[in-house]
Amino acid sequence: MKKLNIFLLSIGVLLAFSSCDTYLDKLPDDRAEVDSKDKVAKLLVDAYPQAEGILIQELSSDNVADNGKQYSTESYIDEMYRFKTPEYESTDSPYAIWDYGYRGVATANQALAAIDKLGDTDELKPYKGEALLCRALNMFILSNVFCMAYDSTKCDTYPGLPYPTTTDQPIKGMTERGTLRELYAHINADIEEALPLIDDNAYSIPKYHFNKNAAYAFAARFNLYYHHYDKAIAYATQCLGSDPTVYLRKWTNYRTLAGSQDIFNNYIQSSDAANFLLIPSVSIVGRWTEGNWLRYVHNDVITKYETYWAACPWAYGATSSNDLYQCAHMLYGNAQVTMFPKLFETLEYTDKVNGIGYPHTVDAYFTGDETILVRAEAYALRNGNGDLQKAVDDLNTWASTNLEDKDDQMTRPTYTVANLTNYVESVHYASVTPVEDAERSFRKVLHPQGFTVAKGSQEDIIQVILHARRLTTCFQGMRFQDCKRYGIEYTHFVDKEDPIVFKAGDLRGAIQIPEAVINAGLAANPR
């Protein structure tokens, strides 16, 4: 077995698509130079994820369809849609996600080592908390991409990922993946240690760092995925406070903006209370959502029958005119591609004259709108039967800013357990492989992975929450996690070929780790 550094294997690839980053070249010198609080703080800027796996997860989800061979695509986008490992090591490939993730972990470990050497004083505590959360977040993102959804009945057999906690670990003894249970335990330990240490006063622009709201939003989402529902509720409440509407996006203000660029600019404003953590990522996802390649995208069919204009408790379906969801009136595109402008691309130029550079986007990774839905879902699942009234209370709070009052005929409803149950039960379950579009719907058959959902009101409330989550996180890759967690089955149609069905517990839900890492001695994901 090769004793190679499996986390920093990709120097050659980095030279191909991110040669401006000299991190690997200067790392040994930096380790000797990080000898002050200010240097620790500067180092931690590089510990945040730079590749979240947005594109590969979105292409793997049920948010995307095939417009047909007459439309263009890239080979690696085609492979991602087909649940294959992309051969091209692009900025959004598994190789890049793996490399950037473990580089972030290595940077966090370097910062922790420097803090330990400096004496772990009170003034360094916020940075220690930040380093721990950066390490945990990188590993959480890597687990979402390369591992199965957490399942307490299978997590001792599902592969985890190596979790280095010191600066020398990547080279020695890290050829074993461990289990998913062990991986989640490591993430949990880092989060729990970090939370009391976070201090917003440590940062000049807190929204690009782990401020308290971002830290507790992370803890809430992680514990939801971990099936620790009481903790998810407690952490979401710590984040949202007594009046969660303060932290929900004021969509009415967006309706008067001039166009898509203005919407995007406002969406990623650090001054918006709804944004808890903004992550700049190296990715071409922005140009994909805008329709640079029209074959595999979020198209008119998905929009009408499954997402923004689908018939659901706040819409009659098929068009935006009968839809109370605010974002349904701010979509751009055509029949081939429909998008909401939340992930536009910015270019870091290396040659401005020739237009050459590195594509970036800014992702609002933790927000108030998503966090209140985390709490709603946790309420609906807690103690087996759920606290459905509290879950619906949170849905009503989400609706208070996400839905509009249009006129006397169409006013924002007040939801109850009873009226949501009645509505959902009136909608047919979506066909896994629909023969015609009318067989689609927002209601999907659920096969929860490692937990149970009772038929009737509990499932019906979960269906509405999952649909609200699908809309709130659309284009950000998180829908794939919900499909994995709930065992939602769906079909990727391929023009003039056999359809590809994603099944509950499908092992392809764990994206294959990079070939170079497998060649270095780490076990591949089973297929």
Protein backbone atom coordinates (compact mmCIF):
# COMPACT_ATOMS: atom_id res chain seq x y z
CA MET A 1 0.00 0.00 0.00
CA LYS A 2 1.39 3.38 -0.97
CA LYS A 3 2.15 5.69 1.96
CA LEU A 4 1.29 8.90 0.13
CA ASN A 5 -0.31 12.12 1.29
CA ILE A 6 -3.81 11.29 0.08
CA PHE A 7 -5.12 14.73 1.01
CA LEU A 8 -2.63 16.81 -0.98
CA LEU A 9 -2.19 14.58 -4.00
CA SER A 10 -3.48 17.02 -6.55
CA ILE A 11 -0.59 19.42 -7.01
CA GLY A 12 -0.55 18.70 -10.75
CA VAL A 13 -4.26 19.32 -11.10
CA LEU A 14 -4.04 22.49 -9.05
CA LEU A 15 -1.45 23.79 -11.46
CA ALA A 16 -3.94 23.14 -14.22
CA PHE A 17 -6.91 25.02 -12.78
CA SER A 18 -5.76 27.05 -9.77
CA SER A 19 -2.09 27.81 -10.21
CA CYS A 20 -2.58 31.25 -8.65
CA ASP A 21 -2.88 29.49 -5.30
CA THR A 22 0.61 28.94 -3.88
CA TYR A 23 -0.63 27.44 -0.64
CA LEU A 24 1.21 24.17 -1.06
CA ASP A 25 4.47 25.91 -1.91
CA LYS A 26 4.50 28.20 1.13
CA LEU A 27 2.93 25.90 3.73
CA PRO A 28 6.19 24.88 5.49
CA ASP A 29 7.27 28.53 5.86
CA ASP A 30 3.82 29.56 7.11
CA ARG A 31 3.96 26.96 9.84
CA ALA A 32 7.08 28.65 11.20
CA GLU A 33 5.64 32.15 10.82
CA VAL A 34 2.17 31.87 12.37
CA ASP A 35 3.28 33.36 15.65
CA SER A 36 0.60 35.94 16.49
CA LYS A 37 -3.15 36.33 16.78
CA ASP A 38 -3.28 38.43 13.59
CA LYS A 39 -1.41 35.78 11.61
CA VAL A 40 -3.73 33.05 12.91
CA ALA A 41 -6.73 35.14 11.87
CA LYS A 42 -5.32 35.69 8.38
CA LEU A 43 -4.46 32.02 7.99
CA LEU A 44 -8.03 30.98 8.82
CA VAL A 45 -9.35 32.83 5.77
CA ASP A 46 -7.97 29.90 3.75
CA ALA A 47 -9.57 27.29 6.02
CA TYR A 48 -13.09 27.85 4.66
CA PRO A 49 -14.40 25.51 1.95
CA GLN A 50 -13.52 26.65 -1.55
CA ALA A 51 -15.43 23.88 -3.32
CA GLU A 52 -18.78 22.81 -1.90
CA GLY A 53 -19.78 20.30 -4.55
CA ILE A 54 -22.81 22.39 -5.55
CA LEU A 55 -22.81 21.44 -9.23
CA ILE A 56 -22.29 17.69 -8.89
CA GLN A 57 -24.96 17.44 -6.18
CA GLU A 58 -27.47 19.55 -8.08
CA LEU A 59 -26.91 17.49 -11.24
CA SER A 60 -27.38 14.32 -9.18
CA SER A 61 -30.71 15.47 -7.74
CA ASP A 62 -34.28 15.50 -9.06
CA ASN A 63 -34.01 19.25 -9.81
CA VAL A 64 -32.54 18.59 -13.27
CA ALA A 65 -33.83 17.16 -16.56
CA ASP A 66 -32.49 16.38 -20.05
CA ASN A 67 -33.62 18.78 -22.78
CA GLY A 68 -32.26 16.47 -25.48
CA LYS A 69 -29.18 15.79 -27.58
CA GLN A 70 -29.79 18.85 -29.72
CA TYR A 71 -28.53 21.00 -26.85
CA SER A 72 -24.91 21.37 -25.81
CA THR A 73 -23.22 20.25 -22.63
CA GLU A 74 -19.77 19.46 -21.30
CA SER A 75 -18.57 15.88 -20.93
CA TYR A 76 -18.15 16.15 -17.15
CA ILE A 77 -21.67 17.60 -16.76
CA ASP A 78 -23.00 14.68 -18.78
CA GLU A 79 -21.12 12.24 -16.55
CA MET A 80 -22.34 13.90 -13.35
CA TYR A 81 -25.97 13.70 -14.53
CA ARG A 82 -25.48 9.99 -15.24
CA PHE A 83 -23.99 9.34 -11.75
CA LYS A 84 -20.62 8.59 -13.30
CA THR A 85 -17.23 9.77 -12.04
CA PRO A 86 -16.12 12.66 -14.26
CA GLU A 87 -12.88 11.96 -16.07
CA TYR A 88 -12.14 15.66 -16.51
CA GLU A 89 -10.66 17.14 -13.33
CA SER A 90 -12.52 20.44 -13.47
CA THR A 91 -13.11 23.00 -10.75
CA ASP A 92 -16.32 21.14 -9.81
CA SER A 93 -15.00 17.60 -10.10
CA PRO A 94 -14.72 15.16 -7.17
CA TYR A 95 -10.96 15.72 -7.39
CA ALA A 96 -11.33 19.46 -6.75
CA ILE A 97 -13.91 18.98 -3.99
CA TRP A 98 -11.65 16.48 -2.24
CA ASP A 99 -8.52 18.57 -2.65
CA TYR A 100 -10.00 21.87 -1.53
CA GLY A 101 -11.79 20.18 1.37
CA TYR A 102 -8.69 18.57 2.80
CA ARG A 103 -6.61 21.69 2.15
CA GLY A 104 -9.13 23.53 4.32
CA VAL A 105 -8.77 20.86 7.00
CA ALA A 106 -4.98 21.11 6.82
CA THR A 107 -5.15 24.90 7.20
CA ALA A 108 -7.47 24.62 10.19
CA ASN A 109 -5.09 22.13 11.79
CA GLN A 110 -2.18 24.46 11.17
CA ALA A 111 -4.08 27.28 12.88
CA LEU A 112 -4.92 25.04 15.84
CA ALA A 113 -1.28 24.02 16.17
CA ALA A 114 -0.23 27.68 16.16
CA ILE A 115 -2.86 28.54 18.80
CA ASP A 116 -1.63 25.69 20.98
CA LYS A 117 1.95 26.93 20.62
CA LEU A 118 0.91 30.51 21.44
CA GLY A 119 -0.70 29.37 24.66
CA ASP A 120 -4.43 29.11 23.86
CA THR A 121 -5.18 32.45 25.54
CA ASP A 122 -8.61 34.12 25.87
CA GLU A 123 -7.93 36.41 22.89
CA LEU A 124 -7.25 33.34 20.75
CA LYS A 125 -10.39 31.44 21.78
CA PRO A 126 -12.61 32.84 18.99
CA TYR A 127 -10.02 31.75 16.43
CA LYS A 128 -9.76 28.31 17.98
CA GLY A 129 -13.54 28.02 17.69
CA GLU A 130 -13.38 29.21 14.10
CA ALA A 131 -10.65 26.70 13.24
CA LEU A 132 -12.61 23.82 14.77
CA LEU A 133 -15.75 24.81 12.88
CA CYS A 134 -13.83 25.21 9.61
CA ARG A 135 -12.40 21.71 10.04
CA ALA A 136 -15.86 20.36 10.86
CA LEU A 137 -17.53 22.17 7.95
CA ASN A 138 -14.99 20.94 5.41
CA MET A 139 -15.49 17.39 6.67
CA PHE A 140 -19.28 17.82 6.70
CA ILE A 141 -19.23 18.93 3.06
CA LEU A 142 -16.90 16.08 2.12
CA SER A 143 -19.20 13.62 3.91
CA ASN A 144 -22.27 14.98 2.10
CA VAL A 145 -20.56 14.46 -1.26
CA PHE A 146 -18.57 11.26 -0.74
CA CYS A 147 -20.62 9.38 1.88
CA MET A 148 -24.11 7.98 2.24
CA ALA A 149 -26.69 9.80 4.32
CA TYR A 150 -26.34 9.08 8.02
CA ASP A 151 -28.31 5.96 8.95
CA SER A 152 -27.99 4.72 12.53
CA THR A 153 -28.74 1.16 11.38
CA LYS A 154 -25.97 1.13 8.75
CA CYS A 155 -23.43 3.75 9.86
CA ASP A 156 -21.08 1.08 11.25
CA THR A 157 -20.78 -0.47 7.78
CA TYR A 158 -21.02 2.66 5.62
CA PRO A 159 -17.51 4.02 4.87
CA GLY A 160 -16.54 7.28 6.50
CA LEU A 161 -13.59 9.50 5.63
CA PRO A 162 -10.17 10.08 7.19
CA TYR A 163 -10.40 12.90 9.76
CA PRO A 164 -6.97 14.43 10.36
CA THR A 165 -6.71 16.44 13.59
CA THR A 166 -3.00 17.32 13.59
CA THR A 167 -0.64 18.82 11.05
CA ASP A 168 1.35 15.61 10.54
CA GLN A 169 -1.60 13.21 10.14
CA PRO A 170 -2.12 13.51 6.38
CA ILE A 171 1.14 11.66 5.69
CA LYS A 172 1.09 8.99 8.36
CA GLY A 173 -1.57 6.44 9.12
CA MET A 174 -4.40 7.97 7.11
CA THR A 175 -5.09 5.23 4.59
CA GLU A 176 -8.12 3.96 6.54
CA ARG A 177 -11.54 5.52 6.01
CA GLY A 178 -13.20 4.43 9.24
CA THR A 179 -16.98 4.31 9.46
CA LEU A 180 -19.66 6.91 8.91
CA ARG A 181 -20.49 6.72 12.62
CA GLU A 182 -16.90 7.63 13.48
CA LEU A 183 -16.88 10.47 10.95
CA TYR A 184 -20.05 12.02 12.37
CA ALA A 185 -18.72 11.63 15.92
CA HIS A 186 -15.59 13.59 14.95
CA ILE A 187 -17.64 16.37 13.34
CA ASN A 188 -19.91 16.51 16.35
CA ALA A 189 -16.97 16.76 18.76
CA ASP A 190 -15.46 19.69 16.86
CA ILE A 191 -18.80 21.54 16.75
CA GLU A 192 -19.49 21.03 20.45
CA GLU A 193 -16.05 22.24 21.46
CA ALA A 194 -16.23 25.25 19.16
CA LEU A 195 -19.66 26.70 19.94
CA PRO A 196 -18.81 28.30 23.32
CA LEU A 197 -15.69 29.92 21.84
CA ILE A 198 -17.24 31.90 18.98
CA ASP A 199 -17.24 35.69 19.36
CA ASP A 200 -18.64 37.97 16.63
CA ASN A 201 -16.41 40.81 17.79
CA ALA A 202 -13.36 38.97 16.45
CA TYR A 203 -14.28 39.76 12.82
CA SER A 204 -14.55 42.93 10.77
CA ILE A 205 -17.01 41.25 8.33
CA PRO A 206 -18.66 38.48 10.40
CA LYS A 207 -20.76 37.06 7.52
CA TYR A 208 -17.60 35.66 5.89
CA HIS A 209 -16.60 33.99 9.15
CA PHE A 210 -18.17 31.68 11.69
CA ASN A 211 -20.18 34.24 13.60
CA LYS A 212 -22.54 32.91 16.28
CA ASN A 213 -25.58 32.64 14.02
CA ALA A 214 -23.60 30.76 11.38
CA ALA A 215 -22.13 28.45 14.03
CA TYR A 216 -25.52 27.58 15.50
CA ALA A 217 -27.11 27.22 12.05
CA PHE A 218 -24.35 24.74 11.18
CA ALA A 219 -24.90 22.87 14.44
CA ALA A 220 -28.65 22.73 13.73
CA ARG A 221 -28.30 21.37 10.18
CA PHE A 222 -25.66 18.85 11.20
CA ASN A 223 -27.79 17.53 14.07
CA LEU A 224 -30.82 17.26 11.80
CA TYR A 225 -28.79 15.04 9.46
CA TYR A 226 -27.44 13.21 12.57
CA HIS A 227 -31.02 12.47 13.75
CA HIS A 228 -30.42 14.43 16.99
CA TYR A 229 -33.63 16.39 16.72
CA ASP A 230 -33.76 18.01 20.15
CA LYS A 231 -30.27 19.41 19.62
CA ALA A 232 -31.20 20.60 16.13
CA ILE A 233 -34.17 22.45 17.61
CA ALA A 234 -32.11 23.95 20.45
CA TYR A 235 -29.35 25.18 18.15
CA ALA A 236 -31.76 26.58 15.56
CA THR A 237 -33.57 28.43 18.35
CA GLN A 238 -30.27 29.78 19.67
CA CYS A 239 -29.66 31.15 16.18
CA LEU A 240 -33.15 32.46 15.36
CA GLY A 241 -34.04 33.97 18.73
CA SER A 242 -37.52 34.89 19.92
CA ASP A 243 -38.51 36.54 16.61
CA PRO A 244 -37.23 34.46 13.67
CA THR A 245 -38.75 36.88 11.13
CA VAL A 246 -35.80 39.19 11.84
CA TYR A 247 -33.60 36.58 10.12
CA LEU A 248 -35.88 35.78 7.17
CA ARG A 249 -35.26 37.35 3.78
CA LYS A 250 -37.60 40.24 3.00
CA TRP A 251 -38.60 39.08 -0.47
CA THR A 252 -41.09 41.87 -1.02
CA ASN A 253 -38.13 44.25 -1.34
CA TYR A 254 -36.74 42.16 -4.20
CA ARG A 255 -39.84 42.56 -6.35
CA THR A 256 -38.95 46.16 -7.25
CA LEU A 257 -35.34 45.48 -8.23
CA ALA A 258 -34.23 46.24 -11.79
CA GLY A 259 -33.23 42.74 -12.88
CA SER A 260 -31.38 39.51 -12.24
CA GLN A 261 -28.01 41.10 -11.45
CA ASP A 262 -29.60 43.37 -8.84
CA ILE A 263 -31.37 40.38 -7.30
CA PHE A 264 -28.10 38.49 -7.06
CA ASN A 265 -26.26 41.49 -5.62
CA ASN A 266 -28.89 41.89 -2.92
CA TYR A 267 -29.11 38.17 -2.24
CA ILE A 268 -25.46 37.95 -1.18
CA GLN A 269 -25.35 41.19 0.82
CA SER A 270 -23.45 40.67 4.06
CA SER A 271 -25.70 43.31 5.64
CA ASP A 272 -28.80 41.15 5.13
CA ALA A 273 -29.74 39.57 8.46
CA ALA A 274 -30.95 36.48 6.59
CA ASN A 275 -27.39 35.62 5.53
CA PHE A 276 -25.48 33.86 8.29
CA LEU A 277 -22.45 32.62 6.33
CA LEU A 278 -21.36 33.53 2.80
CA ILE A 279 -18.87 31.18 1.14
CA PRO A 280 -16.96 32.23 -2.00
CA SER A 281 -16.45 29.06 -4.04
CA VAL A 282 -14.38 28.17 -7.07
CA SER A 283 -17.06 26.86 -9.43
CA ILE A 284 -18.72 27.18 -12.83
CA VAL A 285 -22.14 26.58 -11.27
CA GLY A 286 -23.07 30.19 -11.99
CA ARG A 287 -22.69 29.83 -15.75
CA TRP A 288 -24.49 26.47 -15.59
CA THR A 289 -27.55 27.91 -13.81
CA GLU A 290 -27.61 30.78 -16.33
CA GLY A 291 -27.89 28.28 -19.18
CA ASN A 292 -24.49 28.27 -20.84
CA TRP A 293 -25.14 24.58 -21.55
CA LEU A 294 -28.78 23.76 -22.15
CA ARG A 295 -28.88 20.00 -22.15
CA TYR A 296 -29.01 19.06 -18.44
CA VAL A 297 -30.60 21.89 -16.48
CA HIS A 298 -33.51 22.96 -14.30
CA ASN A 299 -36.04 23.36 -17.09
CA ASP A 300 -39.66 24.35 -17.66
CA VAL A 301 -41.03 20.88 -16.92
CA ILE A 302 -39.34 20.67 -13.50
CA THR A 303 -40.40 24.25 -12.74
CA LYS A 304 -44.07 23.67 -13.60
CA TYR A 305 -44.62 20.29 -12.04
CA GLU A 306 -42.08 19.93 -9.23
CA THR A 307 -40.54 23.18 -8.00
CA TYR A 308 -41.48 26.86 -8.27
CA TRP A 309 -44.84 26.58 -10.07
CA ALA A 310 -45.87 23.13 -8.90
CA ALA A 311 -49.30 22.68 -7.39
CA CYS A 312 -48.74 22.79 -3.63
CA PRO A 313 -50.30 24.38 -0.53
CA TRP A 314 -49.46 27.89 -1.78
CA ALA A 315 -49.91 27.49 -5.55
CA TYR A 316 -52.47 26.19 -8.01
CA GLY A 317 -49.70 25.06 -10.33
CA ALA A 318 -48.47 25.39 -13.93
CA THR A 319 -47.86 29.18 -13.97
CA SER A 320 -46.60 31.95 -11.70
CA SER A 321 -49.89 33.88 -11.83
CA ASN A 322 -51.54 31.61 -9.30
CA ASP A 323 -48.51 31.26 -7.06
CA LEU A 324 -47.97 33.01 -3.73
CA TYR A 325 -44.30 32.04 -3.49
CA GLN A 326 -42.36 35.25 -3.94
CA CYS A 327 -39.43 33.76 -5.86
CA ALA A 328 -41.82 32.21 -8.40
CA HIS A 329 -42.22 35.73 -9.80
CA MET A 330 -38.48 36.38 -10.08
CA LEU A 331 -37.41 33.57 -12.40
CA TYR A 332 -35.39 34.05 -15.57
CA GLY A 333 -34.87 31.90 -18.64
CA ASN A 334 -37.04 30.09 -21.13
CA ALA A 335 -38.55 26.65 -21.77
CA GLN A 336 -35.11 25.03 -21.73
CA VAL A 337 -33.71 26.62 -18.57
CA THR A 338 -35.33 28.34 -15.60
CA MET A 339 -33.27 29.90 -12.84
CA PHE A 340 -33.50 32.14 -9.84
CA PRO A 341 -30.43 34.44 -9.77
CA LYS A 342 -28.74 33.41 -6.54
CA LEU A 343 -25.45 31.99 -7.91
CA PHE A 344 -24.11 34.30 -10.57
CA GLU A 345 -20.47 33.98 -11.54
CA THR A 346 -17.64 36.38 -10.87
CA LEU A 347 -14.27 35.92 -12.56
CA GLU A 348 -10.91 36.23 -10.84
CA TYR A 349 -8.82 37.42 -13.78
CA THR A 350 -5.32 36.15 -14.45
CA ASP A 351 -5.34 37.77 -17.90
CA LYS A 352 -7.97 40.47 -18.15
CA VAL A 353 -7.15 41.36 -21.75
CA ASN A 354 -7.91 37.83 -22.96
CA GLY A 355 -10.66 37.23 -20.42
CA ILE A 356 -8.87 34.37 -18.68
CA GLY A 357 -9.32 33.62 -15.02
CA TYR A 358 -10.91 31.45 -12.34
CA PRO A 359 -14.70 31.24 -12.00
CA HIS A 360 -16.15 31.98 -8.58
CA THR A 361 -19.55 32.29 -7.01
CA VAL A 362 -20.70 33.41 -3.58
CA ASP A 363 -23.05 30.97 -1.88
CA ALA A 364 -25.33 31.94 1.01
CA TYR A 365 -24.59 28.62 2.70
CA PHE A 366 -26.39 29.21 6.00
CA THR A 367 -29.47 31.42 6.05
CA GLY A 368 -32.39 32.14 8.34
CA ASP A 369 -34.89 30.79 5.80
CA GLU A 370 -33.19 27.40 5.65
CA THR A 371 -32.55 27.27 9.40
CA ILE A 372 -36.21 27.73 10.33
CA LEU A 373 -37.05 24.83 8.00
CA VAL A 374 -34.36 22.75 9.73
CA ARG A 375 -36.17 23.42 13.00
CA ALA A 376 -39.57 22.71 11.47
CA GLU A 377 -38.33 19.34 10.20
CA ALA A 378 -36.74 18.51 13.54
CA TYR A 379 -40.02 19.34 15.31
CA ALA A 380 -41.91 17.10 12.88
CA LEU A 381 -39.56 14.17 13.58
CA ARG A 382 -38.75 14.48 17.29
CA ASN A 383 -39.76 11.68 19.65
CA GLY A 384 -40.96 9.48 16.83
CA ASN A 385 -44.43 10.99 16.40
CA GLY A 386 -43.20 14.56 16.06
CA ASP A 387 -44.44 17.85 17.44
CA LEU A 388 -46.52 18.70 14.39
CA GLN A 389 -48.08 21.90 15.71
CA LYS A 390 -44.68 23.48 16.35
CA ALA A 391 -43.51 22.32 12.94
CA VAL A 392 -46.51 24.05 11.35
CA ASP A 393 -45.88 27.17 13.44
CA ASP A 394 -42.43 27.36 11.87
CA LEU A 395 -43.91 26.82 8.41
CA ASN A 396 -46.25 29.75 9.04
CA THR A 397 -43.26 31.88 10.07
CA TRP A 398 -41.41 30.87 6.89
CA ALA A 399 -44.54 31.68 4.89
CA SER A 400 -44.83 35.14 6.45
CA THR A 401 -41.98 36.45 4.28
CA ASN A 402 -41.66 33.81 1.55
CA LEU A 403 -45.31 34.00 0.50
CA GLU A 404 -47.17 37.12 -0.54
CA ASP A 405 -50.63 38.55 -0.05
CA LYS A 406 -51.77 39.26 -3.60
CA ASP A 407 -55.36 40.41 -3.36
CA ASP A 408 -58.70 39.57 -1.78
CA GLN A 409 -58.95 36.38 -3.83
CA MET A 410 -55.43 35.15 -3.11
CA THR A 411 -54.22 35.85 0.40
CA ARG A 412 -51.47 34.14 2.31
CA PRO A 413 -53.07 31.22 4.15
CA THR A 414 -52.62 30.33 7.79
CA TYR A 415 -51.58 26.71 7.88
CA THR A 416 -52.81 24.13 10.35
CA VAL A 417 -52.01 20.47 10.76
CA ALA A 418 -55.51 19.69 9.49
CA ASN A 419 -55.54 21.84 6.34
CA LEU A 420 -52.05 20.78 5.31
CA THR A 421 -52.93 17.13 5.84
CA ASN A 422 -56.09 17.52 3.78
CA TYR A 423 -54.25 19.27 0.97
CA VAL A 424 -51.31 16.87 0.73
CA GLU A 425 -53.59 13.83 0.75
CA SER A 426 -55.46 15.30 -2.21
CA VAL A 427 -52.26 15.27 -4.32
CA HIS A 428 -51.05 12.11 -6.04
CA TYR A 429 -47.60 10.74 -5.31
CA ALA A 430 -45.17 11.52 -8.09
CA SER A 431 -44.30 8.63 -10.33
CA VAL A 432 -40.68 7.51 -10.01
CA THR A 433 -40.46 7.22 -13.80
CA PRO A 434 -43.29 9.38 -15.17
CA VAL A 435 -44.62 8.54 -18.62
CA GLU A 436 -46.17 12.00 -18.92
CA ASP A 437 -45.58 15.23 -17.05
CA ALA A 438 -48.92 15.10 -15.24
CA GLU A 439 -47.56 12.12 -13.27
CA ARG A 440 -45.07 14.44 -11.57
CA SER A 441 -45.86 16.32 -8.35
CA PHE A 442 -44.17 17.81 -5.30
CA ARG A 443 -45.29 14.80 -3.22
CA LYS A 444 -42.72 12.01 -3.35
CA VAL A 445 -42.84 8.55 -1.79
CA LEU A 446 -40.49 8.57 1.22
CA HIS A 447 -38.15 5.78 2.30
CA PRO A 448 -36.40 7.41 5.30
CA GLN A 449 -32.85 6.21 5.86
CA GLY A 450 -32.40 5.20 9.50
CA PHE A 451 -35.53 6.86 10.90
CA THR A 452 -39.27 6.50 10.53
CA VAL A 453 -42.09 8.73 9.30
CA ALA A 454 -45.66 7.67 10.03
CA LYS A 455 -48.27 7.72 7.29
CA GLY A 456 -50.85 10.46 7.69
CA SER A 457 -50.28 13.88 9.23
CA GLN A 458 -46.60 13.38 10.11
CA GLU A 459 -45.66 12.44 6.55
CA ASP A 460 -47.91 15.15 5.11
CA ILE A 461 -46.25 17.89 7.17
CA ILE A 462 -42.82 16.51 6.21
CA GLN A 463 -43.85 16.64 2.53
CA VAL A 464 -44.61 20.36 2.81
CA ILE A 465 -41.36 21.06 4.69
CA LEU A 466 -39.33 19.15 2.11
CA HIS A 467 -40.96 21.12 -0.68
CA ALA A 468 -40.23 24.40 1.10
CA ARG A 469 -36.62 23.24 1.56
CA ARG A 470 -36.41 22.28 -2.11
CA LEU A 471 -37.43 25.78 -3.13
CA THR A 472 -35.33 27.58 -0.52
CA THR A 473 -32.15 25.68 -1.43
CA CYS A 474 -32.76 25.20 -5.17
CA PHE A 475 -29.54 25.30 -7.25
CA GLN A 476 -27.36 24.99 -4.10
CA GLY A 477 -27.00 21.20 -4.15
CA MET A 478 -28.84 20.52 -0.89
CA ARG A 479 -31.83 18.85 -2.52
CA PHE A 480 -29.61 15.82 -3.21
CA GLN A 481 -29.01 15.49 0.53
CA ASP A 482 -32.75 15.51 1.17
CA CYS A 483 -33.25 12.86 -1.52
CA LYS A 484 -30.57 10.71 0.11
CA ARG A 485 -31.88 11.21 3.65
CA TYR A 486 -35.47 10.39 2.75
CA GLY A 487 -34.72 7.73 0.14
CA ILE A 488 -36.63 9.67 -2.52
CA GLU A 489 -36.62 7.77 -5.78
CA TYR A 490 -36.55 9.56 -9.13
CA THR A 491 -35.47 9.17 -12.73
CA HIS A 492 -32.90 10.94 -14.86
CA PHE A 493 -34.22 10.62 -18.38
CA VAL A 494 -31.61 10.52 -21.14
CA ASP A 495 -32.62 11.34 -24.70
CA LYS A 496 -32.94 8.17 -26.81
CA GLU A 497 -31.41 6.02 -24.05
CA ASP A 498 -32.70 3.99 -21.13
CA PRO A 499 -33.70 6.11 -18.14
CA ILE A 500 -31.48 6.12 -15.04
CA VAL A 501 -33.37 5.48 -11.81
CA PHE A 502 -32.01 6.64 -8.46
CA LYS A 503 -33.34 4.28 -5.76
CA ALA A 504 -33.71 4.55 -2.00
CA GLY A 505 -30.36 3.77 -0.38
CA ASP A 506 -28.69 3.96 -3.80
CA LEU A 507 -24.93 3.57 -3.32
CA ARG A 508 -24.41 6.18 -6.04
CA GLY A 509 -25.58 8.67 -3.43
CA ALA A 510 -21.97 8.54 -2.21
CA ILE A 511 -20.08 10.15 -5.10
CA GLN A 512 -17.00 8.11 -5.97
CA ILE A 513 -13.80 9.41 -4.39
CA PRO A 514 -11.07 10.54 -6.83
CA GLU A 515 -9.17 7.85 -8.70
CA ALA A 516 -5.81 9.24 -7.59
CA VAL A 517 -6.88 8.87 -3.96
CA ILE A 518 -7.97 5.28 -4.59
CA ASN A 519 -4.64 4.59 -6.28
CA ALA A 520 -2.90 5.99 -3.21
CA GLY A 521 -4.47 3.31 -1.03
CA LEU A 522 -7.88 4.54 0.16
CA ALA A 523 -10.80 2.18 -0.40
CA ALA A 524 -13.27 3.21 -3.10
CA ASN A 525 -16.94 3.71 -2.40
CA PRO A 526 -18.79 0.45 -3.03
CA ARG A 527 -20.94 0.20 -6.14
